Protein backbone atom coordinates (compact mmCIF):
# COMPACT_ATOMS: atom_id res chain seq x y z
CA MET A 1 -72.56 89.31 32.14
CA ALA A 2 -75.02 88.34 34.88
CA LYS A 3 -75.49 84.63 35.39
CA LYS A 4 -78.87 83.31 34.28
CA SER A 5 -80.26 80.70 36.65
CA ILE A 6 -82.11 77.70 35.20
CA THR A 7 -84.63 77.99 38.04
CA LYS A 8 -85.24 81.67 37.29
CA ARG A 9 -85.65 80.98 33.59
CA TRP A 10 -88.09 78.18 34.35
CA ILE A 11 -90.15 80.46 36.64
CA VAL A 12 -90.19 83.30 34.10
CA ASN A 13 -90.90 81.16 31.04
CA ASN A 14 -92.80 78.02 32.01
CA LEU A 15 -94.60 79.37 35.05
CA GLY A 16 -95.58 82.54 33.17
CA VAL A 17 -97.17 80.45 30.42
CA ILE A 18 -98.92 78.23 32.97
CA VAL A 19 -100.29 81.21 34.92
CA LEU A 20 -101.50 82.82 31.69
CA ALA A 21 -103.17 79.57 30.62
CA LEU A 22 -104.83 79.15 34.02
CA LEU A 23 -106.01 82.78 33.91
CA VAL A 24 -107.60 82.20 30.49
CA ILE A 25 -109.20 78.98 31.71
CA GLU A 26 -110.50 80.69 34.86
CA MET A 27 -112.01 83.54 32.83
CA ALA A 28 -113.65 81.03 30.51
CA ILE A 29 -115.06 79.07 33.49
CA ILE A 30 -116.32 82.27 35.14
CA TYR A 31 -117.98 83.37 31.91
CA ALA A 32 -119.58 79.92 31.51
CA ILE A 33 -120.84 79.92 35.12
CA GLN A 34 -122.28 83.44 34.84
CA THR A 35 -123.86 82.65 31.49
CA TYR A 36 -125.36 79.45 32.88
CA PHE A 37 -126.91 81.08 35.95
CA TYR A 38 -128.17 84.15 34.12
CA SER A 39 -129.58 81.99 31.32
CA SER A 40 -131.29 79.71 33.85
CA ALA A 41 -132.79 82.72 35.66
CA LYS A 42 -133.99 84.18 32.37
CA GLN A 43 -135.57 80.87 31.28
CA TYR A 44 -137.32 80.65 34.64
CA LEU A 45 -138.76 84.17 34.29
CA VAL A 46 -139.79 83.50 30.69
CA SER A 47 -141.64 80.34 31.77
CA LYS A 48 -143.38 82.23 34.61
CA VAL A 49 -144.37 85.17 32.44
CA ASN A 50 -145.65 82.83 29.72
CA ALA A 51 -147.76 81.09 32.34
CA VAL A 52 -149.18 84.47 33.39
CA THR A 53 -149.99 85.40 29.79
CA SER A 54 -151.71 82.05 29.28
CA VAL A 55 -153.99 82.69 32.25
CA LEU A 56 -154.68 86.23 31.02
CA SER A 57 -155.52 84.88 27.59
CA ILE A 58 -158.14 82.62 29.16
CA HIS A 59 -159.65 85.55 31.09
CA SER A 60 -159.75 87.68 27.96
CA GLN A 61 -161.88 85.09 26.23
CA ASP A 62 -164.45 85.19 29.05
CA SER A 63 -166.79 88.04 28.16
CA ALA A 64 -168.37 87.97 31.61
CA SER A 65 -165.11 88.78 33.41
CA ASN A 66 -163.49 92.17 33.90
CA PHE A 67 -159.99 91.87 32.42
CA SER A 68 -158.62 94.83 34.38
CA ALA A 69 -159.92 93.40 37.63
CA GLU A 70 -158.53 89.98 36.78
CA MET A 71 -155.15 91.54 36.02
CA ARG A 72 -155.15 93.40 39.35
CA ASN A 73 -156.20 90.28 41.23
CA MET A 74 -153.46 88.20 39.55
CA LEU A 75 -150.77 90.71 40.54
CA GLU A 76 -152.04 90.95 44.12
CA THR A 77 -152.18 87.17 44.55
CA PHE A 78 -148.89 86.44 42.75
CA ASN A 79 -147.31 83.70 44.90
CA GLU A 80 -143.61 84.58 44.23
CA LYS A 81 -143.86 88.29 44.90
CA ASP A 82 -141.13 88.00 47.55
CA LYS A 83 -138.62 87.07 44.81
CA ILE A 84 -140.16 88.32 41.59
CA GLU A 85 -142.03 91.51 40.93
CA LEU A 86 -144.82 91.22 38.34
CA MET A 87 -145.75 94.38 36.47
CA ALA A 88 -148.52 95.35 34.05
CA ILE A 89 -147.71 98.03 31.47
CA ASN A 90 -150.51 99.96 29.81
CA SER A 91 -150.81 100.91 26.18
CA LYS A 92 -148.87 104.12 26.81
CA GLY A 93 -145.80 102.20 28.06
CA ARG A 94 -146.29 103.06 31.73
CA VAL A 95 -146.28 100.62 34.62
CA VAL A 96 -149.75 100.86 36.08
CA LEU A 97 -149.87 97.76 38.30
CA THR A 98 -147.19 95.89 40.32
CA SER A 99 -147.28 92.85 42.59
CA SER A 100 -145.43 94.82 45.29
CA GLY A 101 -147.84 97.74 45.17
CA PHE A 102 -145.05 100.21 44.46
CA SER A 103 -144.75 101.78 41.06
CA PRO A 104 -141.23 102.30 39.63
CA ASP A 105 -139.88 105.75 38.89
CA GLU A 106 -141.24 107.26 35.74
CA ASP A 107 -137.73 107.84 34.41
CA SER A 108 -136.73 104.17 34.86
CA ILE A 109 -135.53 102.66 31.62
CA MET A 110 -137.08 99.41 30.38
CA PRO A 111 -135.06 98.13 27.38
CA ASP A 112 -136.74 94.74 27.73
CA PHE A 113 -140.17 96.33 27.18
CA GLU A 114 -139.01 98.11 24.03
CA GLU A 115 -137.44 94.90 22.74
CA ALA A 116 -140.64 92.97 23.46
CA MET A 117 -142.68 95.46 21.50
CA GLU A 118 -140.36 94.97 18.51
CA LYS A 119 -139.50 91.26 18.67
CA GLY A 120 -142.27 89.66 20.73
CA GLU A 121 -140.07 89.04 23.78
CA GLY A 122 -137.44 91.12 25.57
CA SER A 123 -134.93 90.75 28.39
CA TYR A 124 -132.61 93.13 30.20
CA ILE A 125 -129.83 92.84 32.77
CA GLY A 126 -128.94 96.11 34.44
CA ARG A 127 -129.04 98.14 37.61
CA LEU A 128 -131.73 100.19 39.25
CA SER A 129 -131.15 103.77 40.27
CA GLY A 130 -130.31 102.47 43.74
CA GLY A 131 -127.54 100.26 42.36
CA GLU A 132 -129.26 96.88 42.68
CA LYS A 133 -128.61 94.50 39.78
CA ILE A 134 -131.78 93.09 38.20
CA LEU A 135 -133.01 90.78 35.46
CA ALA A 136 -136.21 91.83 33.63
CA VAL A 137 -138.28 89.91 31.09
CA SER A 138 -141.22 91.40 29.12
CA VAL A 139 -143.87 89.76 26.93
CA PRO A 140 -146.45 91.75 24.89
CA ILE A 141 -150.16 91.17 25.59
CA SER A 142 -151.69 93.89 23.39
CA SER A 143 -153.22 91.14 21.26
CA ILE A 144 -155.06 89.89 24.36
CA ASN A 145 -156.31 93.24 25.63
CA SER A 146 -155.90 96.70 24.17
CA GLU A 147 -155.75 98.34 27.63
CA PHE A 148 -152.44 96.68 28.46
CA SER A 149 -149.41 96.41 26.15
CA SER A 150 -147.10 94.11 28.12
CA VAL A 151 -146.51 92.01 31.20
CA ARG A 152 -143.10 92.38 32.84
CA MET A 153 -141.28 90.35 35.49
CA VAL A 154 -138.29 91.71 37.43
CA THR A 155 -136.06 89.80 39.86
CA SER A 156 -132.94 90.72 41.80
CA LEU A 157 -129.65 89.10 40.76
CA SER A 158 -127.98 89.67 44.13
CA GLU A 159 -128.43 86.07 45.28
CA ILE A 160 -127.31 84.70 41.91
CA ASP A 161 -124.28 87.03 41.91
CA ASN A 162 -123.36 85.83 45.41
CA THR A 163 -123.53 82.23 44.19
CA ILE A 164 -121.40 83.13 41.16
CA LYS A 165 -118.88 84.86 43.45
CA ASN A 166 -118.64 81.69 45.53
CA TYR A 167 -117.94 79.68 42.39
CA ILE A 168 -115.39 82.27 41.25
CA ALA A 169 -113.68 82.09 44.65
CA ALA A 170 -113.61 78.28 44.46
CA VAL A 171 -112.19 78.32 40.92
CA THR A 172 -109.61 80.96 41.90
CA LEU A 173 -108.59 78.90 44.94
CA ILE A 174 -108.20 75.80 42.78
CA CYS A 175 -106.05 77.76 40.31
CA ILE A 176 -103.89 79.09 43.15
CA LEU A 177 -103.49 75.57 44.54
CA VAL A 178 -102.55 74.30 41.06
CA ILE A 179 -99.97 77.10 40.71
CA LEU A 180 -98.54 76.35 44.17
CA ILE A 181 -98.32 72.65 43.35
CA ILE A 182 -96.66 73.41 40.00
CA ILE A 183 -94.23 75.82 41.68
CA SER A 184 -93.29 73.34 44.42
CA THR A 185 -92.91 70.39 42.06
CA GLY A 186 -91.17 72.57 39.46
CA LEU A 187 -88.69 73.94 42.00
CA TYR A 188 -88.03 70.41 43.24
CA PHE A 189 -87.52 69.20 39.68
CA ALA A 190 -85.33 72.19 38.78
CA GLY A 191 -83.37 71.66 41.99
CA SER A 192 -82.83 67.99 41.12
CA ILE A 193 -81.20 69.20 37.89
CA VAL A 194 -79.42 72.32 39.15
CA LYS A 195 -77.87 70.69 42.23
CA PRO A 196 -75.97 67.95 40.37
CA ILE A 197 -75.05 70.42 37.61
CA ARG A 198 -73.51 72.74 40.20
CA GLN A 199 -71.69 69.76 41.69
CA ILE A 200 -70.51 68.72 38.22
CA SER A 201 -69.35 72.29 37.51
CA SER A 202 -67.43 72.47 40.80
CA ILE A 203 -65.76 69.10 40.30
CA ALA A 204 -65.03 69.83 36.63
CA ARG A 205 -63.07 72.90 37.74
CA LYS A 206 -61.03 70.64 40.00
CA PHE A 207 -60.44 68.29 37.07
CA ALA A 208 -59.24 71.28 35.06
CA MET A 209 -56.72 72.04 37.83
CA GLY A 210 -55.44 68.45 37.66
CA ASP A 211 -57.18 67.10 40.77
CA PHE A 212 -58.75 63.78 39.75
CA SER A 213 -59.26 62.47 43.29
CA VAL A 214 -62.85 63.71 43.70
CA ARG A 215 -65.93 62.02 42.24
CA ILE A 216 -69.54 63.10 41.72
CA SER A 217 -72.03 61.49 44.08
CA ASN A 218 -74.77 59.90 41.99
CA SER A 219 -78.10 58.57 43.26
CA SER A 220 -80.37 59.16 40.24
CA ASN A 221 -81.16 56.65 37.52
CA ASP A 222 -81.81 59.08 34.66
CA GLU A 223 -79.93 61.20 32.11
CA ILE A 224 -78.33 63.25 34.91
CA GLY A 225 -77.21 60.00 36.53
CA GLU A 226 -75.78 58.82 33.22
CA LEU A 227 -73.93 62.14 32.87
CA CYS A 228 -72.49 61.83 36.38
CA THR A 229 -71.42 58.24 35.68
CA ALA A 230 -69.83 59.30 32.39
CA ILE A 231 -67.93 62.16 34.07
CA ASN A 232 -66.75 59.87 36.86
CA HIS A 233 -65.60 57.38 34.23
CA MET A 234 -63.86 60.22 32.39
CA ALA A 235 -62.13 61.18 35.64
CA ASP A 236 -60.99 57.57 36.10
CA GLU A 237 -59.61 57.51 32.57
CA LEU A 238 -57.96 60.91 32.98
CA SER A 239 -56.49 59.82 36.30
CA ASN A 240 -55.16 56.64 34.71
CA ALA A 241 -53.85 58.60 31.73
CA GLU A 242 -52.20 61.11 34.05
CA ALA A 243 -50.60 58.31 36.07
CA MET A 244 -49.46 56.55 32.89
CA LYS A 245 -48.14 59.84 31.49
CA ASN A 246 -46.13 60.48 34.66
CA GLU A 247 -44.93 56.90 34.60
CA PHE A 248 -44.07 57.28 30.92
CA ILE A 249 -42.05 60.41 31.61
CA SER A 250 -40.26 58.61 34.42
CA SER A 251 -39.62 55.55 32.25
CA VAL A 252 -38.45 57.58 29.26
CA SER A 253 -36.22 59.66 31.50
CA HIS A 254 -34.70 56.47 32.89
CA GLU A 255 -34.44 54.91 29.42
CA LEU A 256 -32.70 58.02 28.10
CA ARG A 257 -30.44 58.41 31.10
CA THR A 258 -29.10 54.82 30.91
CA PRO A 259 -27.70 54.96 27.34
CA LEU A 260 -26.59 58.56 27.77
CA THR A 261 -24.69 57.58 30.91
CA ALA A 262 -23.09 54.68 29.08
CA ILE A 263 -22.18 56.85 26.08
CA LYS A 264 -20.76 59.60 28.31
CA GLY A 265 -18.80 57.13 30.43
CA TRP A 266 -17.23 55.32 27.49
CA ALA A 267 -16.55 58.60 25.68
CA GLU A 268 -14.63 59.87 28.72
CA THR A 269 -12.78 56.52 28.94
CA LEU A 270 -11.83 56.68 25.28
CA MET A 271 -10.63 60.27 25.67
CA ILE A 272 -8.32 59.26 28.48
CA ASP A 273 -7.12 55.79 27.54
CA GLY A 274 -8.78 54.68 24.28
CA GLY A 275 -5.97 55.67 22.03
CA ASN A 276 -3.43 53.46 23.83
CA ASN A 277 -5.59 50.31 24.04
CA PRO A 278 -7.20 48.98 20.83
CA ASP A 279 -9.43 46.54 22.75
CA THR A 280 -10.78 49.33 24.92
CA MET A 281 -11.35 51.45 21.83
CA LYS A 282 -13.24 48.67 20.06
CA LYS A 283 -15.37 47.83 23.07
CA GLY A 284 -16.14 51.48 23.80
CA VAL A 285 -17.13 52.30 20.24
CA GLY A 286 -19.32 49.18 20.17
CA VAL A 287 -21.16 50.28 23.34
CA ILE A 288 -21.58 53.81 22.01
CA VAL A 289 -22.99 52.50 18.70
CA ASN A 290 -25.42 50.13 20.47
CA GLU A 291 -26.63 52.72 22.93
CA THR A 292 -26.99 55.29 20.15
CA GLU A 293 -29.14 52.78 18.26
CA ARG A 294 -31.32 52.37 21.35
CA LEU A 295 -31.72 56.14 21.62
CA SER A 296 -32.53 56.38 17.93
CA GLN A 297 -35.19 53.68 18.26
CA MET A 298 -36.77 55.39 21.26
CA VAL A 299 -36.82 58.76 19.51
CA GLU A 300 -38.39 57.16 16.44
CA GLU A 301 -41.13 55.61 18.60
CA LEU A 302 -41.82 58.99 20.18
CA LEU A 303 -41.96 60.67 16.77
CA ASP A 304 -44.32 58.00 15.44
CA PHE A 305 -46.56 58.40 18.45
CA SER A 306 -46.58 62.19 18.02
CA ARG A 307 -47.49 61.81 14.34
CA MET A 308 -50.37 59.48 15.25
CA GLN A 309 -51.67 61.93 17.84
CA ASN A 310 -51.53 64.78 15.31
CA GLY A 311 -52.99 62.72 12.44
CA HIS A 312 -49.82 63.05 10.36
CA PHE A 313 -48.89 59.37 10.42
CA THR A 314 -48.88 58.14 6.79
CA LEU A 315 -48.16 54.90 4.97
CA GLN A 316 -46.20 54.35 1.77
CA SER A 317 -48.04 51.24 0.66
CA SER A 318 -47.20 48.75 -2.09
CA ASN A 319 -47.28 45.00 -2.64
CA MET A 320 -44.86 43.51 -0.13
CA ASP A 321 -43.42 40.15 0.88
CA ILE A 322 -44.17 39.56 4.58
CA LEU A 323 -41.55 36.81 4.84
CA ALA A 324 -38.75 39.16 3.77
CA GLU A 325 -39.57 41.72 6.46
CA LEU A 326 -40.19 39.08 9.13
CA GLY A 327 -36.93 37.29 8.29
CA ASP A 328 -34.97 40.58 8.60
CA ALA A 329 -36.55 41.26 12.01
CA VAL A 330 -35.68 37.75 13.28
CA LEU A 331 -32.12 38.13 11.98
CA ILE A 332 -31.68 41.45 13.79
CA TYR A 333 -32.37 39.82 17.19
CA SER A 334 -30.70 36.43 16.59
CA ASP A 335 -27.28 37.51 17.88
CA LYS A 336 -28.71 39.41 20.85
CA ALA A 337 -30.87 36.43 21.84
CA LYS A 338 -27.86 34.13 21.57
CA ARG A 339 -25.81 36.44 23.84
CA ASP A 340 -28.67 36.41 26.40
CA ASN A 341 -28.98 32.59 26.16
CA ILE A 342 -32.46 32.88 24.63
CA THR A 343 -33.44 30.58 21.77
CA ILE A 344 -35.33 31.96 18.75
CA ASN A 345 -37.12 29.31 16.67
CA TYR A 346 -38.30 30.66 13.33
CA HIS A 347 -40.67 28.42 11.35
CA GLU A 348 -40.59 29.97 7.90
CA PRO A 349 -43.04 28.67 5.26
CA GLU A 350 -41.95 28.35 1.64
CA MET A 351 -44.38 30.97 0.38
CA LEU A 352 -47.11 33.35 1.59
CA PRO A 353 -49.45 35.67 -0.36
CA PHE A 354 -48.36 39.24 -0.79
CA VAL A 355 -49.76 41.98 1.47
CA PHE A 356 -50.55 45.54 0.39
CA GLY A 357 -48.83 47.78 2.92
CA ASP A 358 -45.85 49.83 4.04
CA LYS A 359 -42.96 47.40 4.35
CA ASN A 360 -40.93 49.70 6.61
CA ARG A 361 -43.84 50.09 9.05
CA ILE A 362 -44.60 46.36 9.02
CA ARG A 363 -40.93 45.60 9.68
CA GLN A 364 -41.06 48.13 12.53
CA VAL A 365 -43.99 46.19 14.04
CA PHE A 366 -42.14 42.86 13.75
CA ILE A 367 -39.02 44.34 15.32
CA ASN A 368 -41.07 45.77 18.19
CA ILE A 369 -42.88 42.48 18.88
CA ILE A 370 -39.73 40.33 18.71
CA ASP A 371 -37.85 42.88 20.81
CA ASN A 372 -40.55 42.64 23.48
CA ALA A 373 -40.45 38.84 23.35
CA VAL A 374 -36.68 38.81 23.91
CA LYS A 375 -36.78 41.66 26.41
CA TYR A 376 -39.40 39.98 28.63
CA SER A 377 -37.71 36.57 28.48
CA SER A 378 -34.98 35.23 30.77
CA PRO A 379 -31.91 33.10 30.00
CA GLY A 380 -33.04 29.64 28.95
CA ASP A 381 -36.41 30.82 27.56
CA THR A 382 -37.56 30.28 23.99
CA VAL A 383 -39.11 32.67 21.43
CA THR A 384 -41.06 30.99 18.62
CA VAL A 385 -41.87 32.91 15.44
CA GLU A 386 -44.32 31.44 12.92
CA ALA A 387 -46.00 32.67 9.74
CA MET A 388 -48.96 31.07 7.96
CA GLN A 389 -51.96 31.67 5.73
CA SER A 390 -55.57 31.24 6.93
CA GLU A 391 -58.94 32.34 5.51
CA GLY A 392 -57.53 35.04 3.26
CA ASN A 393 -55.23 36.43 5.97
CA VAL A 394 -51.50 36.27 6.57
CA ILE A 395 -50.93 35.40 10.23
CA VAL A 396 -47.69 36.00 12.14
CA SER A 397 -47.33 34.57 15.64
CA VAL A 398 -44.58 35.50 18.11
CA LYS A 399 -44.71 33.35 21.23
CA ASP A 400 -42.31 33.39 24.18
CA THR A 401 -41.92 31.48 27.45
CA GLY A 402 -41.03 34.61 29.39
CA CYS A 403 -42.54 36.44 32.34
CA GLY A 404 -46.07 36.60 30.93
CA ILE A 405 -48.79 39.17 31.63
CA LYS A 406 -51.43 39.36 34.35
CA LYS A 407 -55.01 38.79 33.23
CA SER A 408 -55.91 42.22 34.62
CA ASP A 409 -53.23 43.86 32.44
CA LEU A 410 -54.06 42.13 29.14
CA SER A 411 -56.71 44.68 28.13
CA LYS A 412 -54.36 47.59 28.87
CA VAL A 413 -51.02 46.57 27.38
CA LYS A 414 -51.84 48.22 24.02
CA THR A 415 -52.78 51.48 25.77
CA LYS A 416 -50.34 54.33 25.32
CA PHE A 417 -47.85 54.84 28.17
CA TYR A 418 -48.91 51.58 29.86
CA LYS A 419 -46.24 49.18 31.12
CA ALA A 420 -47.30 45.89 32.66
CA ASN A 421 -43.81 45.10 33.90
CA HIS A 422 -41.77 47.97 35.33
CA THR A 423 -38.61 45.91 35.80
CA ARG A 424 -37.91 45.76 32.05
CA ARG A 425 -36.77 48.63 29.86
CA GLY A 426 -39.14 50.31 27.41
CA SER A 427 -41.18 53.49 26.92
CA GLY A 428 -44.63 51.89 27.02
CA ILE A 429 -45.73 53.21 23.63
CA GLY A 430 -44.23 50.56 21.31
CA LEU A 431 -47.29 48.29 21.37
CA ALA A 432 -49.64 51.26 20.99
CA VAL A 433 -47.74 52.33 17.84
CA ALA A 434 -47.62 48.73 16.53
CA ASP A 435 -51.37 48.26 17.08
CA GLU A 436 -52.11 51.52 15.25
CA ILE A 437 -49.92 50.50 12.29
CA ILE A 438 -51.62 47.12 11.97
CA SER A 439 -55.07 48.76 12.24
CA MET A 440 -54.15 51.18 9.44
CA HIS A 441 -53.37 48.13 7.30
CA GLY A 442 -56.84 46.68 7.99
CA GLY A 443 -55.48 43.97 10.29
CA THR A 444 -55.54 43.10 13.98
CA LEU A 445 -52.93 42.68 16.70
CA GLU A 446 -53.96 40.36 19.55
CA ILE A 447 -52.05 39.66 22.76
CA ASP A 448 -52.70 36.64 24.95
CA SER A 449 -51.03 35.25 28.04
CA PRO A 450 -52.04 32.38 30.37
CA GLY A 451 -50.70 34.43 33.28
CA GLU A 452 -47.55 35.57 35.01
CA GLY A 453 -44.56 33.31 34.38
CA LYS A 454 -46.36 31.44 31.58
CA GLY A 455 -45.24 33.38 28.53
CA THR A 456 -47.01 35.60 26.01
CA GLU A 457 -48.25 35.18 22.45
CA VAL A 458 -48.78 38.02 19.98
CA ILE A 459 -50.83 37.21 16.86
CA ILE A 460 -50.84 39.61 13.89
CA ARG A 461 -53.43 39.22 11.13
CA LEU A 462 -53.10 41.08 7.85
CA PRO A 463 -55.41 40.78 4.81
CA ALA A 464 -53.68 39.05 1.92
CA ILE A 465 -53.90 40.24 -1.68
CA LYS A 466 -56.32 38.03 -3.58
């Protein structure tokens, strides 16, 4: 299918309508100009011929004067004979006297005379046998003198038509100038839209190929500018997401390789020497169990994340005791923290309101948060876990004195695949899954850190059952 250009469509549609509108306007103006000039010329002739009839009426009332002689004298002395020809028409409808001294052809038509005889006044615009365009006005005078039936005035319209042509040329020139201005401004405007769209299309194809290094140059402060800014922002986000995805793949690969290496190594050791040494057997099986648990936890996180992405993540909610799930999570990491010389202080209240939620998912969140607190702490650090009630919410705080988080990373740590600290193990999706679980329970998960080396605090708020 042939590509349809925006510029071409604009020229065909908008410009076609504009040209048609200007053509209609020009025709209306030309008609108005012609009507005005012809009407003015007719009114002038009517006024002149009425003046002539008034004078003739006076002569007709003078019994001492010869009306025919007075008529002849008036035509001979007519002062505008160079522009207007004055004619006298007898009772038989023939022109018998003219101011020019030349009688018209006998076969010349005089519709104005016939109209005057019927209606009291007649006018006619037409052409003579020689092709000259004329305006004729006739007024009956048979009531003044029975010898003559009408007085007729004829003038050439050549000069008026030349003036009208000049006006038509001026109007046409103005319309052409308007069209040229509209075309130039329209093409500039269309170009200001088409050019960035072509640039956007070209760069979007590069984005589709995975190249997020290019950006759209933007100098306009309008909707096109907003679109360019939005696409550039999208490219930044896609670039970050791509980098985090690659980093996630690298981290997950490393996280999977480490336990698999340990499992494989100890399995080979047990195959060779495990049966003869009970201590080696016990230690090897313990490592294999621990590393298998790590793999299982990582796979579960990946499955949860996949379910969230596909919209298949569901909750099995019921009234639950937060303290029971939080206590289990603290207990799980007590021995590990003790082995790593990390102190866990758990301040457990006597009672908290129940929460409506999925206890397994909430426990998963607690395990993830406490695991992070222990994981990002060093020997000698302290992890403090507290639970309380405030303003209709159950609040759980997990605070450590570990490595902390940069201010610039705080807003990103809950983003999928993001890892603020690459020296510690983890897939980078645990916090994203935890935040989604808490959000699905109508709560919030907030992370705060004074800075690197100053620890981190995670605060979870869940609505309590009233």
